[in-house]
PDB file of N, CA and C in Angstrom:
ATOM      1  N   UNK A   1       1.020  -1.441   0.029  1.00  0.00           N
ATOM      2  CA  UNK A   1      -0.208   0.212  -0.018  1.00  0.00           C
ATOM      3  C   UNK A   1       0.574   1.086   0.215  1.00  0.00           C
ATOM      4  N   UNK A   2       0.550   2.331  -0.950  1.00  0.00           N
ATOM      5  CA  UNK A   2       1.241   3.445  -0.770  1.00  0.00           C
ATOM      6  C   UNK A   2       1.094   4.479   0.383  1.00  0.00           C
ATOM      7  N   UNK A   3       1.831   5.286   0.167  1.00  0.00           N
ATOM      8  CA  UNK A   3       2.085   6.556   1.776  1.00  0.00           C
ATOM      9  C   UNK A   3       0.820   6.869   1.533  1.00  0.00           C
ATOM     10  N   UNK A   4       0.070   7.552   2.617  1.00  0.00           N
ATOM     11  CA  UNK A   4      -0.677   8.264   2.275  1.00  0.00           C
ATOM     12  C   UNK A   4      -0.011   9.942   2.845  1.00  0.00           C
ATOM     13  N   UNK A   5      -1.470  10.499   1.965  1.00  0.00           N
ATOM     14  CA  UNK A   5      -1.434  12.250   2.290  1.00  0.00           C
ATOM     15  C   UNK A   5      -2.475  12.264   3.260  1.00  0.00           C
ATOM     16  N   UNK A   6      -2.958  13.633   3.399  1.00  0.00           N
ATOM     17  CA  UNK A   6      -3.870  14.470   4.061  1.00  0.00           C
ATOM     18  C   UNK A   6      -4.407  14.993   3.155  1.00  0.00           C
ATOM     19  N   UNK A   7      -5.457  15.222   2.649  1.00  0.00           N
ATOM     20  CA  UNK A   7      -6.257  16.216   1.685  1.00  0.00           C
ATOM     21  C   UNK A   7      -7.457  16.653   2.491  1.00  0.00           C
ATOM     22  N   UNK A   8      -7.835  17.315   2.260  1.00  0.00           N
ATOM     23  CA  UNK A   8      -8.800  18.429   2.752  1.00  0.00           C
ATOM     24  C   UNK A   8      -9.033  17.882   4.262  1.00  0.00           C
ATOM     25  N   UNK A   9      -7.938  16.905   5.302  1.00  0.00           N
ATOM     26  CA  UNK A   9      -8.054  16.838   6.400  1.00  0.00           C
ATOM     27  C   UNK A   9      -8.296  15.461   6.792  1.00  0.00           C
ATOM     28  N   UNK A  10      -8.435  14.457   5.529  1.00  0.00           N
ATOM     29  CA  UNK A  10      -8.453  13.034   5.355  1.00  0.00           C
ATOM     30  C   UNK A  10      -7.666  12.564   4.579  1.00  0.00           C
ATOM     31  N   UNK A  11      -6.955  11.396   4.962  1.00  0.00           N
ATOM     32  CA  UNK A  11      -5.760  10.462   4.451  1.00  0.00           C
ATOM     33  C   UNK A  11      -6.022   9.592   3.641  1.00  0.00           C
ATOM     34  N   UNK A  12      -5.832   9.710   2.132  1.00  0.00           N
ATOM     35  CA  UNK A  12      -5.877   8.772   1.323  1.00  0.00           C
ATOM     36  C   UNK A  12      -4.616   8.563   0.777  1.00  0.00           C
ATOM     37  N   UNK A  13      -4.502   7.568   0.104  1.00  0.00           N
ATOM     38  CA  UNK A  13      -3.155   7.313  -1.159  1.00  0.00           C
ATOM     39  C   UNK A  13      -3.463   8.342  -1.966  1.00  0.00           C
ATOM     40  N   UNK A  14      -2.151   8.559  -3.016  1.00  0.00           N
ATOM     41  CA  UNK A  14      -2.012   9.037  -4.442  1.00  0.00           C
ATOM     42  C   UNK A  14      -2.780   9.028  -5.714  1.00  0.00           C
ATOM     43  N   UNK A  15      -3.080   7.649  -5.516  1.00  0.00           N
ATOM     44  CA  UNK A  15      -4.353   7.267  -6.490  1.00  0.00           C
ATOM     45  C   UNK A  15      -5.729   7.495  -5.977  1.00  0.00           C
ATOM     46  N   UNK A  16      -6.090   7.341  -4.828  1.00  0.00           N
ATOM     47  CA  UNK A  16      -7.542   8.119  -4.493  1.00  0.00           C
ATOM     48  C   UNK A  16      -7.795   9.519  -4.475  1.00  0.00           C
ATOM     49  N   UNK A  17      -6.029  10.213  -4.266  1.00  0.00           N
ATOM     50  CA  UNK A  17      -6.504  11.783  -4.420  1.00  0.00           C
ATOM     51  C   UNK A  17      -6.583  12.069  -5.897  1.00  0.00           C
ATOM     52  N   UNK A  18      -5.870  11.349  -6.947  1.00  0.00           N
ATOM     53  CA  UNK A  18      -6.183  11.432  -8.289  1.00  0.00           C
ATOM     54  C   UNK A  18      -7.756  11.380  -9.009  1.00  0.00           C
ATOM     55  N   UNK A  19      -8.296  10.180  -8.517  1.00  0.00           N
ATOM     56  CA  UNK A  19      -9.422   9.962  -8.329  1.00  0.00           C
ATOM     57  C   UNK A  19     -10.534  10.453  -8.357  1.00  0.00           C
ATOM     58  N   UNK A  20     -10.020  11.144  -6.474  1.00  0.00           N
ATOM     59  CA  UNK A  20     -11.143  12.380  -6.129  1.00  0.00           C
ATOM     60  C   UNK A  20     -10.826  13.644  -7.314  1.00  0.00           C
ATOM     61  N   UNK A  21      -9.878  14.270  -7.471  1.00  0.00           N
ATOM     62  CA  UNK A  21      -9.979  14.978  -8.112  1.00  0.00           C
ATOM     63  C   UNK A  21     -10.368  14.952  -9.591  1.00  0.00           C
ATOM     64  N   UNK A  22     -10.641  13.589 -10.169  1.00  0.00           N
ATOM     65  CA  UNK A  22     -11.138  13.504 -11.315  1.00  0.00           C
ATOM     66  C   UNK A  22     -12.541  13.507 -11.150  1.00  0.00           C
ATOM     67  N   UNK A  23     -13.068  12.835 -10.056  1.00  0.00           N
ATOM     68  CA  UNK A  23     -14.833  13.350  -9.687  1.00  0.00           C
ATOM     69  C   UNK A  23     -15.070  14.551  -9.327  1.00  0.00           C
ATOM     70  N   UNK A  24     -14.077  15.511  -8.197  1.00  0.00           N
ATOM     71  CA  UNK A  24     -14.418  16.942  -8.643  1.00  0.00           C
ATOM     72  C   UNK A  24     -14.574  17.631  -9.692  1.00  0.00           C
ATOM     73  N   UNK A  25     -13.238  17.197 -10.541  1.00  0.00           N
ATOM     74  CA  UNK A  25     -13.948  17.794 -12.116  1.00  0.00           C
ATOM     75  C   UNK A  25     -14.999  17.484 -12.829  1.00  0.00           C
ATOM     76  N   UNK A  26     -14.942  16.460 -12.965  1.00  0.00           N
ATOM     77  CA  UNK A  26     -16.429  15.809 -13.767  1.00  0.00           C
ATOM     78  C   UNK A  26     -17.609  16.601 -13.304  1.00  0.00           C
ATOM     79  N   UNK A  27     -17.623  16.712 -11.708  1.00  0.00           N
ATOM     80  CA  UNK A  27     -19.139  17.307 -10.828  1.00  0.00           C
ATOM     81  C   UNK A  27     -19.030  18.687 -10.976  1.00  0.00           C
ATOM     82  N   UNK A  28     -17.925  19.617 -11.681  1.00  0.00           N
ATOM     83  CA  UNK A  28     -17.789  20.877 -11.617  1.00  0.00           C
ATOM     84  C   UNK A  28     -18.108  21.545  -9.979  1.00  0.00           C
ATOM     85  N   UNK A  29     -17.060  20.633  -9.265  1.00  0.00           N
ATOM     86  CA  UNK A  29     -17.209  21.388  -7.468  1.00  0.00           C
ATOM     87  C   UNK A  29     -15.980  22.164  -7.496  1.00  0.00           C
ATOM     88  N   UNK A  30     -16.074  23.281  -6.872  1.00  0.00           N
ATOM     89  CA  UNK A  30     -15.142  24.298  -6.656  1.00  0.00           C
ATOM     90  C   UNK A  30     -14.814  23.949  -5.109  1.00  0.00           C
ATOM     91  N   UNK A  31     -13.666  23.417  -4.449  1.00  0.00           N
ATOM     92  CA  UNK A  31     -13.462  23.165  -3.109  1.00  0.00           C
ATOM     93  C   UNK A  31     -13.486  24.742  -2.785  1.00  0.00           C
ATOM     94  N   UNK A  32     -12.641  25.813  -3.468  1.00  0.00           N
ATOM     95  CA  UNK A  32     -13.003  27.142  -2.449  1.00  0.00           C
ATOM     96  C   UNK A  32     -13.820  27.943  -2.310  1.00  0.00           C
ATOM     97  N   UNK A  33     -14.770  27.207  -2.895  1.00  0.00           N
ATOM     98  CA  UNK A  33     -16.533  27.808  -2.420  1.00  0.00           C
ATOM     99  C   UNK A  33     -16.810  27.105  -1.130  1.00  0.00           C
ATOM    100  N   UNK A  34     -16.366  26.094  -0.958  1.00  0.00           N
ATOM    101  CA  UNK A  34     -16.643  25.151   0.416  1.00  0.00           C
ATOM    102  C   UNK A  34     -16.281  25.746   1.951  1.00  0.00           C
ATOM    103  N   UNK A  35     -16.624  25.654   2.949  1.00  0.00           N
ATOM    104  CA  UNK A  35     -15.693  25.493   4.096  1.00  0.00           C
ATOM    105  C   UNK A  35     -14.979  24.485   4.143  1.00  0.00           C
ATOM    106  N   UNK A  36     -13.764  24.736   5.446  1.00  0.00           N
ATOM    107  CA  UNK A  36     -13.173  23.746   5.536  1.00  0.00           C
ATOM    108  C   UNK A  36     -14.058  22.238   6.333  1.00  0.00           C
ATOM    109  N   UNK A  37     -15.031  22.644   7.012  1.00  0.00           N
ATOM    110  CA  UNK A  37     -15.727  21.480   7.247  1.00  0.00           C
ATOM    111  C   UNK A  37     -16.434  20.673   6.234  1.00  0.00           C
ATOM    112  N   UNK A  38     -16.874  21.615   5.445  1.00  0.00           N
ATOM    113  CA  UNK A  38     -17.838  21.009   4.021  1.00  0.00           C
ATOM    114  C   UNK A  38     -17.035  20.226   3.023  1.00  0.00           C
ATOM    115  N   UNK A  39     -15.696  20.450   2.967  1.00  0.00           N
ATOM    116  CA  UNK A  39     -14.361  20.014   2.421  1.00  0.00           C
ATOM    117  C   UNK A  39     -14.158  18.314   2.735  1.00  0.00           C
ATOM    118  N   UNK A  40     -13.815  18.851   4.223  1.00  0.00           N
ATOM    119  CA  UNK A  40     -13.591  17.487   4.765  1.00  0.00           C
ATOM    120  C   UNK A  40     -14.758  16.505   4.508  1.00  0.00           C
ATOM    121  N   UNK A  41     -15.855  16.788   4.741  1.00  0.00           N
ATOM    122  CA  UNK A  41     -17.282  15.828   4.871  1.00  0.00           C
ATOM    123  C   UNK A  41     -17.444  15.378   3.404  1.00  0.00           C
ATOM    124  N   UNK A  42     -17.318  16.180   2.114  1.00  0.00           N
ATOM    125  CA  UNK A  42     -17.190  15.915   0.782  1.00  0.00           C
ATOM    126  C   UNK A  42     -16.433  14.737   0.715  1.00  0.00           C
ATOM    127  N   UNK A  43     -15.194  14.794   0.919  1.00  0.00           N
ATOM    128  CA  UNK A  43     -14.308  14.203   0.789  1.00  0.00           C
ATOM    129  C   UNK A  43     -14.258  12.888   1.558  1.00  0.00           C
ATOM    130  N   UNK A  44     -14.355  12.739   2.321  1.00  0.00           N
ATOM    131  CA  UNK A  44     -15.069  11.630   3.892  1.00  0.00           C
ATOM    132  C   UNK A  44     -16.476  10.930   2.871  1.00  0.00           C
ATOM    133  N   UNK A  45     -17.476  11.629   2.249  1.00  0.00           N
ATOM    134  CA  UNK A  45     -18.545  10.830   2.043  1.00  0.00           C
ATOM    135  C   UNK A  45     -17.814  10.467   0.328  1.00  0.00           C
ATOM    136  N   UNK A  46     -17.123  11.089  -0.004  1.00  0.00           N
ATOM    137  CA  UNK A  46     -17.141  10.529  -1.524  1.00  0.00           C
ATOM    138  C   UNK A  46     -16.109   9.101  -1.208  1.00  0.00           C
ATOM    139  N   UNK A  47     -15.157   9.040  -0.099  1.00  0.00           N
ATOM    140  CA  UNK A  47     -14.421   8.051   0.052  1.00  0.00           C
ATOM    141  C   UNK A  47     -14.765   6.496   0.659  1.00  0.00           C
ATOM    142  N   UNK A  48     -16.264   7.132   1.457  1.00  0.00           N
ATOM    143  CA  UNK A  48     -17.211   5.909   1.835  1.00  0.00           C
ATOM    144  C   UNK A  48     -17.639   5.182   1.073  1.00  0.00           C
ATOM    145  N   UNK A  49     -18.123   6.218  -0.175  1.00  0.00           N
ATOM    146  CA  UNK A  49     -18.985   5.537  -1.350  1.00  0.00           C
ATOM    147  C   UNK A  49     -17.981   4.876  -2.121  1.00  0.00           C
ATOM    148  N   UNK A  50     -16.686   5.155  -2.625  1.00  0.00           N
ATOM    149  CA  UNK A  50     -15.842   4.667  -2.910  1.00  0.00           C
ATOM    150  C   UNK A  50     -15.485   2.945  -2.478  1.00  0.00           C
ATOM    151  N   UNK A  51     -15.239   3.086  -1.060  1.00  0.00           N
ATOM    152  CA  UNK A  51     -15.142   1.762  -0.410  1.00  0.00           C
ATOM    153  C   UNK A  51     -16.310   0.559  -0.716  1.00  0.00           C
ATOM    154  N   UNK A  52     -17.287   1.397  -0.527  1.00  0.00           N
ATOM    155  CA  UNK A  52     -18.623   0.894  -0.445  1.00  0.00           C
ATOM    156  C   UNK A  52     -18.468   0.026  -1.911  1.00  0.00           C
ATOM    157  N   UNK A  53     -18.376   0.897  -2.947  1.00  0.00           N
ATOM    158  CA  UNK A  53     -18.063   0.564  -4.232  1.00  0.00           C
ATOM    159  C   UNK A  53     -17.431  -1.157  -4.299  1.00  0.00           C
ATOM    160  N   UNK A  54     -15.801  -0.351  -3.904  1.00  0.00           N
ATOM    161  CA  UNK A  54     -15.237  -1.711  -4.467  1.00  0.00           C
ATOM    162  C   UNK A  54     -15.457  -2.571  -3.699  1.00  0.00           C
ATOM    163  N   UNK A  55     -15.654  -2.763  -2.344  1.00  0.00           N
ATOM    164  CA  UNK A  55     -16.564  -3.885  -1.868  1.00  0.00           C
ATOM    165  C   UNK A  55     -17.339  -4.755  -2.598  1.00  0.00           C
ATOM    166  N   UNK A  56     -18.238  -3.910  -2.668  1.00  0.00           N
ATOM    167  CA  UNK A  56     -19.136  -4.687  -3.974  1.00  0.00           C
ATOM    168  C   UNK A  56     -18.883  -5.344  -4.713  1.00  0.00           C
ATOM    169  N   UNK A  57     -18.402  -4.748  -5.451  1.00  0.00           N
ATOM    170  CA  UNK A  57     -17.809  -5.383  -6.667  1.00  0.00           C
ATOM    171  C   UNK A  57     -16.810  -6.618  -6.379  1.00  0.00           C
ATOM    172  N   UNK A  58     -15.978  -6.174  -5.226  1.00  0.00           N
ATOM    173  CA  UNK A  58     -15.157  -7.549  -4.772  1.00  0.00           C
ATOM    174  C   UNK A  58     -15.924  -8.704  -4.466  1.00  0.00           C
ATOM    175  N   UNK A  59     -16.831  -8.668  -3.634  1.00  0.00           N
ATOM    176  CA  UNK A  59     -18.034  -9.680  -2.989  1.00  0.00           C
ATOM    177  C   UNK A  59     -18.749 -10.321  -4.451  1.00  0.00           C
ATOM    178  N   UNK A  60     -18.825  -9.494  -5.193  1.00  0.00           N
ATOM    179  CA  UNK A  60     -19.793 -10.254  -6.439  1.00  0.00           C
ATOM    180  C   UNK A  60     -18.973 -10.855  -7.270  1.00  0.00           C
ATOM    181  N   UNK A  61     -17.949 -10.445  -7.352  1.00  0.00           N
ATOM    182  CA  UNK A  61     -16.949 -11.158  -8.232  1.00  0.00           C
ATOM    183  C   UNK A  61     -15.905 -12.467  -7.694  1.00  0.00           C
ATOM    184  N   UNK A  62     -16.456 -12.418  -6.146  1.00  0.00           N
ATOM    185  CA  UNK A  62     -15.915 -14.141  -5.538  1.00  0.00           C
ATOM    186  C   UNK A  62     -17.162 -14.385  -5.289  1.00  0.00           C
ATOM    187  N   UNK A  63     -18.399 -14.357  -5.808  1.00  0.00           N
ATOM    188  CA  UNK A  63     -19.786 -15.003  -5.528  1.00  0.00           C
ATOM    189  C   UNK A  63     -20.047 -15.288  -3.738  1.00  0.00           C
ATOM    190  N   UNK A  64     -19.564 -14.256  -2.841  1.00  0.00           N
ATOM    191  CA  UNK A  64     -19.358 -14.604  -1.642  1.00  0.00           C
ATOM    192  C   UNK A  64     -20.592 -13.996  -0.962  1.00  0.00           C
ATOM    193  N   UNK A  65     -21.680 -14.809  -0.175  1.00  0.00           N
ATOM    194  CA  UNK A  65     -23.107 -13.697   0.335  1.00  0.00           C
ATOM    195  C   UNK A  65     -22.701 -13.357   1.831  1.00  0.00           C
ATOM    196  N   UNK A  66     -22.728 -12.296   2.246  1.00  0.00           N
ATOM    197  CA  UNK A  66     -23.057 -12.104   3.733  1.00  0.00           C
ATOM    198  C   UNK A  66     -24.120 -12.023   4.120  1.00  0.00           C
TER     199      UNK A  66
END
């Protein structure tokens, strides 16, 4: 696992940081228009949804039921 960086108050890998930047760009989100708390919550929310998606795909691909 790669080194983690703090991005808007949330630790993530450089790959996650690039994916988040792409997400922001595609959605037209201007981080400078948000407060620090809003930025942190946006990053946390995005990271949670990404983690849930990855877990969902992994479970489906291994045919494991929970």
